[in-house]
């Protein structure tokens, strides 16, 4: 997934007729997916950092 937040629909992309699958519905879904992926990346980075710091402590204790 792309790191860039999805762009909202342009001024003329919504016909404002209450479509069953409006471009705004699609945009909200894309933003929700983007936010979930961003949170997952942040959590993974946090786990990786904690693992790295734990490895550093173990190495320094064994020396």
N, C-alpha and C. Protein backbone atom coordinates (compact mmCIF):
# COMPACT_ATOMS: atom_id res chain seq x y z
N UNK A 1 0.84 -1.18 0.00
CA UNK A 1 0.00 0.00 0.00
C UNK A 1 0.88 1.24 0.00
N UNK A 2 0.41 2.27 -0.61
CA UNK A 2 1.15 3.52 -0.75
C UNK A 2 1.20 4.25 0.60
N UNK A 3 2.30 4.95 0.84
CA UNK A 3 2.44 5.71 2.07
C UNK A 3 1.65 7.02 2.07
N UNK A 4 1.26 7.49 0.87
CA UNK A 4 0.55 8.75 0.76
C UNK A 4 -0.92 8.58 1.09
N UNK A 5 -1.45 9.52 1.86
CA UNK A 5 -2.87 9.49 2.18
C UNK A 5 -3.68 9.68 0.90
N UNK A 6 -4.76 8.93 0.75
CA UNK A 6 -5.59 9.09 -0.45
C UNK A 6 -6.11 10.51 -0.58
N UNK A 7 -6.23 10.95 -1.80
CA UNK A 7 -6.76 12.29 -2.06
C UNK A 7 -8.28 12.24 -2.14
N UNK A 8 -8.94 13.27 -1.62
CA UNK A 8 -10.40 13.30 -1.73
C UNK A 8 -10.82 13.50 -3.18
N UNK A 9 -12.05 13.14 -3.48
CA UNK A 9 -12.53 13.34 -4.84
C UNK A 9 -12.45 14.81 -5.24
N UNK A 10 -12.25 15.03 -6.52
CA UNK A 10 -12.21 16.39 -7.03
C UNK A 10 -13.58 17.04 -7.00
N UNK A 11 -13.60 18.34 -7.24
CA UNK A 11 -14.85 19.11 -7.17
C UNK A 11 -15.95 18.56 -8.06
N UNK A 12 -15.61 18.03 -9.22
CA UNK A 12 -16.63 17.59 -10.16
C UNK A 12 -16.79 16.07 -10.21
N UNK A 13 -16.20 15.35 -9.27
CA UNK A 13 -16.28 13.90 -9.30
C UNK A 13 -17.54 13.34 -8.66
N UNK A 14 -18.17 14.07 -7.77
CA UNK A 14 -19.39 13.63 -7.12
C UNK A 14 -20.58 14.29 -7.81
N UNK A 15 -21.54 13.45 -8.23
CA UNK A 15 -22.71 14.00 -8.93
C UNK A 15 -23.80 14.44 -7.96
N UNK A 16 -23.62 14.14 -6.66
CA UNK A 16 -24.55 14.51 -5.60
C UNK A 16 -25.97 14.00 -5.84
N UNK A 17 -26.07 12.81 -6.45
CA UNK A 17 -27.39 12.22 -6.69
C UNK A 17 -27.66 11.05 -5.75
N UNK A 18 -26.78 10.85 -4.76
CA UNK A 18 -26.99 9.78 -3.79
C UNK A 18 -26.68 8.40 -4.32
N UNK A 19 -25.66 8.30 -5.14
CA UNK A 19 -25.27 7.00 -5.70
C UNK A 19 -25.04 5.99 -4.58
N UNK A 20 -25.35 4.73 -4.90
CA UNK A 20 -25.17 3.66 -3.92
C UNK A 20 -23.71 3.51 -3.53
N UNK A 21 -22.82 3.76 -4.41
CA UNK A 21 -21.38 3.70 -4.13
C UNK A 21 -20.76 5.01 -4.59
N UNK A 22 -20.98 6.03 -3.80
CA UNK A 22 -20.50 7.38 -4.09
C UNK A 22 -18.97 7.43 -4.04
N UNK A 23 -18.38 8.35 -4.79
CA UNK A 23 -16.93 8.51 -4.74
C UNK A 23 -16.47 8.86 -3.32
N UNK A 24 -17.33 9.49 -2.54
CA UNK A 24 -16.99 9.80 -1.16
C UNK A 24 -16.97 8.54 -0.30
N UNK A 25 -17.84 7.58 -0.59
CA UNK A 25 -17.81 6.29 0.11
C UNK A 25 -16.49 5.58 -0.16
N UNK A 26 -16.09 5.58 -1.41
CA UNK A 26 -14.84 4.94 -1.81
C UNK A 26 -13.66 5.64 -1.14
N UNK A 27 -13.69 6.97 -1.12
CA UNK A 27 -12.63 7.74 -0.47
C UNK A 27 -12.53 7.39 1.01
N UNK A 28 -13.68 7.34 1.72
CA UNK A 28 -13.66 7.01 3.16
C UNK A 28 -13.09 5.61 3.39
N UNK A 29 -13.44 4.66 2.52
CA UNK A 29 -12.89 3.30 2.63
C UNK A 29 -11.38 3.31 2.43
N UNK A 30 -10.92 4.06 1.44
CA UNK A 30 -9.48 4.12 1.16
C UNK A 30 -8.73 4.77 2.32
N UNK A 31 -9.31 5.81 2.92
CA UNK A 31 -8.67 6.47 4.05
C UNK A 31 -8.62 5.51 5.25
N UNK A 32 -9.70 4.77 5.48
CA UNK A 32 -9.71 3.80 6.59
C UNK A 32 -8.64 2.74 6.38
N UNK A 33 -8.50 2.24 5.16
CA UNK A 33 -7.46 1.24 4.86
C UNK A 33 -6.07 1.84 5.04
N UNK A 34 -5.90 3.08 4.59
CA UNK A 34 -4.61 3.77 4.71
C UNK A 34 -4.25 3.95 6.19
N UNK A 35 -5.24 4.37 7.00
CA UNK A 35 -4.98 4.58 8.43
C UNK A 35 -4.63 3.25 9.12
N UNK A 36 -5.34 2.18 8.77
CA UNK A 36 -5.04 0.87 9.37
C UNK A 36 -3.64 0.42 9.00
N UNK A 37 -3.25 0.62 7.74
CA UNK A 37 -1.91 0.22 7.30
C UNK A 37 -0.85 1.08 7.99
N UNK A 38 -1.11 2.36 8.16
CA UNK A 38 -0.17 3.25 8.83
C UNK A 38 0.02 2.82 10.28
N UNK A 39 -1.09 2.51 10.96
CA UNK A 39 -0.99 2.06 12.36
C UNK A 39 -0.23 0.75 12.46
N UNK A 40 -0.47 -0.15 11.52
CA UNK A 40 0.24 -1.43 11.52
C UNK A 40 1.74 -1.21 11.32
N UNK A 41 2.11 -0.30 10.41
CA UNK A 41 3.53 0.01 10.19
C UNK A 41 4.15 0.61 11.44
N UNK A 42 3.42 1.51 12.12
CA UNK A 42 3.93 2.13 13.34
C UNK A 42 4.12 1.08 14.44
N UNK A 43 3.16 0.17 14.58
CA UNK A 43 3.28 -0.88 15.58
C UNK A 43 4.46 -1.79 15.28
N UNK A 44 4.63 -2.14 14.01
CA UNK A 44 5.74 -3.00 13.62
C UNK A 44 7.07 -2.31 13.88
N UNK A 45 7.13 -1.02 13.57
CA UNK A 45 8.36 -0.27 13.82
C UNK A 45 8.67 -0.23 15.31
N UNK A 46 7.64 -0.10 16.13
CA UNK A 46 7.81 -0.08 17.58
C UNK A 46 8.32 -1.43 18.07
N UNK A 47 7.76 -2.52 17.55
CA UNK A 47 8.21 -3.86 17.92
C UNK A 47 9.65 -4.07 17.48
N UNK A 48 9.96 -3.66 16.26
CA UNK A 48 11.33 -3.81 15.76
C UNK A 48 12.32 -3.02 16.61
N UNK A 49 11.93 -1.82 17.02
CA UNK A 49 12.81 -1.01 17.85
C UNK A 49 13.01 -1.67 19.21
N UNK A 50 11.94 -2.18 19.79
CA UNK A 50 12.05 -2.86 21.08
C UNK A 50 12.92 -4.10 20.97
N UNK A 51 12.75 -4.86 19.88
CA UNK A 51 13.58 -6.05 19.67
C UNK A 51 15.05 -5.65 19.54
N UNK A 52 15.29 -4.57 18.81
CA UNK A 52 16.66 -4.11 18.60
C UNK A 52 17.28 -3.66 19.92
N UNK A 53 16.52 -2.93 20.71
CA UNK A 53 17.04 -2.45 22.00
C UNK A 53 17.29 -3.63 22.94
N UNK A 54 16.42 -4.64 22.89
CA UNK A 54 16.61 -5.83 23.71
C UNK A 54 17.85 -6.58 23.33
N UNK A 55 18.13 -6.66 22.03
CA UNK A 55 19.34 -7.33 21.55
C UNK A 55 20.57 -6.58 21.99
N UNK A 56 20.52 -5.24 21.98
CA UNK A 56 21.65 -4.43 22.41
C UNK A 56 21.94 -4.68 23.88
N UNK A 57 20.91 -4.79 24.69
CA UNK A 57 21.08 -5.02 26.14
C UNK A 57 21.70 -6.40 26.36
N UNK A 58 21.24 -7.41 25.63
CA UNK A 58 21.76 -8.76 25.79
C UNK A 58 23.22 -8.82 25.39
N UNK A 59 23.60 -8.15 24.31
CA UNK A 59 24.99 -8.14 23.86
C UNK A 59 25.86 -7.47 24.91
N UNK A 60 25.43 -6.33 25.43
CA UNK A 60 26.27 -5.61 26.40
C UNK A 60 26.36 -6.38 27.72
N UNK A 61 25.34 -7.13 28.09
CA UNK A 61 25.39 -7.90 29.32
C UNK A 61 26.32 -9.11 29.18
N UNK A 62 26.45 -9.66 27.99
CA UNK A 62 27.28 -10.84 27.81
C UNK A 62 28.75 -10.49 27.67
N UNK A 63 29.06 -9.22 27.52
CA UNK A 63 30.46 -8.83 27.34
C UNK A 63 31.16 -8.62 28.66
